[in-house]
Amino acid sequence: MREETNERSMQVYDVGLWCSWPSLFPEYVGRIQASGTYAAVVCVMEHVRIEKVAYAAARQVAHPRIDRWSKVYIPLTVEKRGRS
């Protein structure tokens, strides 16, 4: 019998973050390894030290599906905070 784990494998994701919407191009882009599209968005937001974006999009590299969110907010600790 095989033991199952609940851990998701890490994949590479392309992420775009828009601070103002609508806008033709995202203010921030990144390629990051994460366990899912939302986790990739959060990781890029933490990396660029922003707490909120008007719009975010992410897709796993080499896959056509794009996941999108609007009005994403993640509270950052004071030492991680840049512009918000």
N, C-alpha and C. Protein backbone atom coordinates (compact mmCIF):
# COMPACT_ATOMS: atom_id res chain seq x y z
N MET A 1 0.83 -1.18 0.00
CA MET A 1 0.00 0.00 0.00
C MET A 1 0.88 1.25 0.00
N ARG A 2 0.53 2.20 -0.82
CA ARG A 2 1.31 3.42 -0.95
C ARG A 2 0.78 4.50 -0.01
N GLU A 3 1.68 5.18 0.68
CA GLU A 3 1.28 6.24 1.60
C GLU A 3 1.14 7.55 0.82
N GLU A 4 -0.03 8.20 0.91
CA GLU A 4 -0.30 9.44 0.20
C GLU A 4 0.11 10.63 1.06
N THR A 5 0.61 11.68 0.42
CA THR A 5 0.94 12.91 1.13
C THR A 5 0.04 14.01 0.61
N ASN A 6 -0.20 15.01 1.43
CA ASN A 6 -1.04 16.13 1.04
C ASN A 6 -0.23 17.29 0.48
N GLU A 7 1.06 17.14 0.33
CA GLU A 7 1.90 18.21 -0.18
C GLU A 7 1.74 18.32 -1.69
N ARG A 8 1.62 19.55 -2.16
CA ARG A 8 1.55 19.79 -3.59
C ARG A 8 2.96 19.98 -4.12
N SER A 9 3.18 19.49 -5.32
CA SER A 9 4.51 19.66 -5.91
C SER A 9 4.70 21.11 -6.35
N MET A 10 5.92 21.55 -6.30
CA MET A 10 6.26 22.91 -6.69
C MET A 10 6.37 22.98 -8.21
N GLN A 11 5.74 23.99 -8.79
CA GLN A 11 5.79 24.23 -10.23
C GLN A 11 6.24 25.67 -10.46
N VAL A 12 6.60 25.97 -11.69
CA VAL A 12 7.02 27.32 -12.05
C VAL A 12 5.82 28.07 -12.65
N TYR A 13 5.61 29.31 -12.17
CA TYR A 13 4.48 30.12 -12.59
C TYR A 13 4.94 31.48 -13.08
N ASP A 14 4.24 31.99 -14.10
CA ASP A 14 4.39 33.37 -14.56
C ASP A 14 3.32 34.19 -13.85
N VAL A 15 3.70 35.34 -13.30
CA VAL A 15 2.77 36.17 -12.53
C VAL A 15 2.84 37.61 -13.04
N GLY A 16 1.67 38.24 -13.14
CA GLY A 16 1.58 39.66 -13.47
C GLY A 16 0.75 40.36 -12.41
N LEU A 17 1.21 41.52 -11.94
CA LEU A 17 0.51 42.29 -10.92
C LEU A 17 0.24 43.70 -11.43
N TRP A 18 -1.00 44.14 -11.36
CA TRP A 18 -1.41 45.48 -11.75
C TRP A 18 -1.80 46.25 -10.50
N CYS A 19 -1.14 47.37 -10.24
CA CYS A 19 -1.50 48.21 -9.10
C CYS A 19 -2.68 49.11 -9.42
N SER A 20 -2.84 49.45 -10.69
CA SER A 20 -4.02 50.20 -11.13
C SER A 20 -4.64 49.47 -12.31
N TRP A 21 -5.95 49.49 -12.35
CA TRP A 21 -6.68 48.76 -13.38
C TRP A 21 -7.78 49.65 -13.93
N PRO A 22 -8.03 49.73 -15.19
CA PRO A 22 -7.37 48.98 -16.26
C PRO A 22 -6.04 49.60 -16.68
N SER A 23 -5.16 48.78 -17.08
CA SER A 23 -3.86 49.20 -17.57
C SER A 23 -3.41 48.15 -18.58
N LEU A 24 -2.73 48.59 -19.60
CA LEU A 24 -2.33 47.68 -20.67
C LEU A 24 -1.30 46.66 -20.20
N PHE A 25 -0.35 47.09 -19.36
CA PHE A 25 0.71 46.20 -18.92
C PHE A 25 0.79 46.17 -17.39
N PRO A 26 1.19 45.04 -16.82
CA PRO A 26 1.32 44.97 -15.36
C PRO A 26 2.53 45.77 -14.87
N GLU A 27 2.42 46.31 -13.66
CA GLU A 27 3.55 47.03 -13.06
C GLU A 27 4.65 46.08 -12.62
N TYR A 28 4.27 44.87 -12.23
CA TYR A 28 5.25 43.88 -11.78
C TYR A 28 4.98 42.55 -12.47
N VAL A 29 6.05 41.89 -12.87
CA VAL A 29 5.96 40.54 -13.43
C VAL A 29 7.01 39.69 -12.75
N GLY A 30 6.77 38.41 -12.72
CA GLY A 30 7.75 37.52 -12.12
C GLY A 30 7.53 36.09 -12.54
N ARG A 31 8.55 35.31 -12.43
CA ARG A 31 8.49 33.87 -12.66
C ARG A 31 8.99 33.25 -11.36
N ILE A 32 8.14 32.43 -10.76
CA ILE A 32 8.44 31.95 -9.42
C ILE A 32 8.00 30.49 -9.27
N GLN A 33 8.67 29.79 -8.40
CA GLN A 33 8.31 28.42 -8.10
C GLN A 33 7.40 28.44 -6.88
N ALA A 34 6.22 27.80 -7.01
CA ALA A 34 5.24 27.79 -5.93
C ALA A 34 4.37 26.54 -6.04
N SER A 35 3.49 26.38 -5.06
CA SER A 35 2.63 25.19 -5.04
C SER A 35 1.32 25.41 -5.78
N GLY A 36 1.03 26.64 -6.19
CA GLY A 36 -0.19 26.93 -6.93
C GLY A 36 -0.18 28.36 -7.43
N THR A 37 -1.19 28.72 -8.22
CA THR A 37 -1.21 30.05 -8.81
C THR A 37 -1.38 31.15 -7.76
N TYR A 38 -2.28 30.95 -6.81
CA TYR A 38 -2.47 31.98 -5.79
C TYR A 38 -1.22 32.12 -4.91
N ALA A 39 -0.60 31.00 -4.58
CA ALA A 39 0.65 31.05 -3.80
C ALA A 39 1.73 31.79 -4.57
N ALA A 40 1.77 31.63 -5.89
CA ALA A 40 2.74 32.35 -6.71
C ALA A 40 2.48 33.85 -6.67
N VAL A 41 1.21 34.26 -6.75
CA VAL A 41 0.85 35.68 -6.66
C VAL A 41 1.30 36.25 -5.33
N VAL A 42 0.99 35.56 -4.24
CA VAL A 42 1.37 36.03 -2.91
C VAL A 42 2.89 36.13 -2.78
N CYS A 43 3.62 35.16 -3.29
CA CYS A 43 5.09 35.19 -3.22
C CYS A 43 5.66 36.38 -3.96
N VAL A 44 5.13 36.68 -5.15
CA VAL A 44 5.63 37.83 -5.90
C VAL A 44 5.28 39.12 -5.18
N MET A 45 4.07 39.22 -4.62
CA MET A 45 3.69 40.42 -3.85
C MET A 45 4.62 40.61 -2.66
N GLU A 46 4.96 39.54 -1.96
CA GLU A 46 5.89 39.64 -0.84
C GLU A 46 7.28 40.03 -1.33
N HIS A 47 7.69 39.48 -2.46
CA HIS A 47 9.03 39.77 -2.99
C HIS A 47 9.18 41.25 -3.37
N VAL A 48 8.15 41.82 -3.99
CA VAL A 48 8.23 43.23 -4.38
C VAL A 48 7.71 44.15 -3.27
N ARG A 49 7.28 43.58 -2.16
CA ARG A 49 6.87 44.28 -0.94
C ARG A 49 5.69 45.23 -1.16
N ILE A 50 4.63 44.68 -1.78
CA ILE A 50 3.39 45.44 -1.89
C ILE A 50 2.27 44.66 -1.24
N GLU A 51 1.37 45.38 -0.57
CA GLU A 51 0.27 44.74 0.16
C GLU A 51 -0.98 44.53 -0.68
N LYS A 52 -1.21 45.40 -1.65
CA LYS A 52 -2.45 45.27 -2.42
C LYS A 52 -2.21 45.58 -3.89
N VAL A 53 -2.96 44.85 -4.70
CA VAL A 53 -2.95 45.07 -6.14
C VAL A 53 -4.40 45.10 -6.62
N ALA A 54 -4.62 45.83 -7.69
CA ALA A 54 -5.97 45.91 -8.26
C ALA A 54 -6.32 44.64 -9.02
N TYR A 55 -5.31 44.00 -9.61
CA TYR A 55 -5.55 42.84 -10.46
C TYR A 55 -4.29 41.99 -10.47
N ALA A 56 -4.47 40.68 -10.49
CA ALA A 56 -3.34 39.75 -10.55
C ALA A 56 -3.71 38.59 -11.47
N ALA A 57 -2.72 38.09 -12.17
CA ALA A 57 -2.92 36.94 -13.05
C ALA A 57 -1.70 36.03 -12.93
N ALA A 58 -1.96 34.73 -13.00
CA ALA A 58 -0.86 33.76 -12.92
C ALA A 58 -1.20 32.53 -13.75
N ARG A 59 -0.17 31.94 -14.31
CA ARG A 59 -0.35 30.69 -15.05
C ARG A 59 0.88 29.82 -14.88
N GLN A 60 0.65 28.53 -14.87
CA GLN A 60 1.77 27.60 -14.80
C GLN A 60 2.46 27.61 -16.15
N VAL A 61 3.78 27.66 -16.14
CA VAL A 61 4.56 27.70 -17.38
C VAL A 61 4.21 26.48 -18.22
N ALA A 62 4.01 26.71 -19.50
CA ALA A 62 3.70 25.68 -20.50
C ALA A 62 2.27 25.15 -20.39
N HIS A 63 1.39 25.85 -19.66
CA HIS A 63 -0.01 25.47 -19.60
C HIS A 63 -0.86 26.67 -20.02
N PRO A 64 -1.97 26.43 -20.70
CA PRO A 64 -2.78 27.54 -21.20
C PRO A 64 -3.68 28.21 -20.16
N ARG A 65 -4.00 27.55 -19.07
CA ARG A 65 -4.94 28.10 -18.10
C ARG A 65 -4.33 29.28 -17.34
N ILE A 66 -5.09 30.38 -17.27
CA ILE A 66 -4.67 31.57 -16.52
C ILE A 66 -5.68 31.81 -15.42
N ASP A 67 -5.21 31.91 -14.19
CA ASP A 67 -6.08 32.25 -13.06
C ASP A 67 -5.93 33.74 -12.79
N ARG A 68 -7.07 34.40 -12.49
CA ARG A 68 -7.07 35.85 -12.30
C ARG A 68 -7.80 36.22 -11.02
N TRP A 69 -7.34 37.31 -10.38
CA TRP A 69 -7.98 37.82 -9.17
C TRP A 69 -8.02 39.33 -9.25
N SER A 70 -9.02 39.91 -8.62
CA SER A 70 -9.06 41.37 -8.50
C SER A 70 -9.06 41.74 -7.02
N LYS A 71 -8.50 42.92 -6.74
CA LYS A 71 -8.43 43.47 -5.39
C LYS A 71 -7.79 42.49 -4.39
N VAL A 72 -6.57 42.08 -4.68
CA VAL A 72 -5.84 41.16 -3.80
C VAL A 72 -5.14 41.97 -2.71
N TYR A 73 -5.30 41.55 -1.48
CA TYR A 73 -4.68 42.23 -0.34
C TYR A 73 -4.03 41.19 0.55
N ILE A 74 -2.76 41.39 0.87
CA ILE A 74 -2.07 40.54 1.84
C ILE A 74 -1.39 41.45 2.85
N PRO A 75 -1.68 41.31 4.12
CA PRO A 75 -1.00 42.16 5.11
C PRO A 75 0.46 41.75 5.25
N LEU A 76 1.35 42.72 5.14
CA LEU A 76 2.78 42.48 5.30
C LEU A 76 3.23 42.97 6.67
N THR A 77 4.23 42.35 7.21
CA THR A 77 4.81 42.84 8.45
C THR A 77 5.54 44.13 8.15
N VAL A 78 5.81 44.92 9.17
CA VAL A 78 6.41 46.24 9.00
C VAL A 78 7.75 46.15 8.28
N GLU A 79 8.57 45.17 8.58
CA GLU A 79 9.88 45.08 7.95
C GLU A 79 9.80 44.64 6.49
N LYS A 80 8.70 44.01 6.06
CA LYS A 80 8.53 43.60 4.67
C LYS A 80 7.83 44.66 3.84
N ARG A 81 7.24 45.67 4.48
CA ARG A 81 6.39 46.64 3.79
C ARG A 81 7.22 47.61 2.97
N GLY A 82 6.80 47.80 1.74
CA GLY A 82 7.41 48.81 0.87
C GLY A 82 6.36 49.87 0.61
N ARG A 83 5.91 49.96 -0.63
CA ARG A 83 4.80 50.87 -0.91
C ARG A 83 3.51 50.07 -0.91
N SER A 84 2.43 50.69 -0.54
CA SER A 84 1.14 49.98 -0.55
C SER A 84 0.08 50.79 -1.23
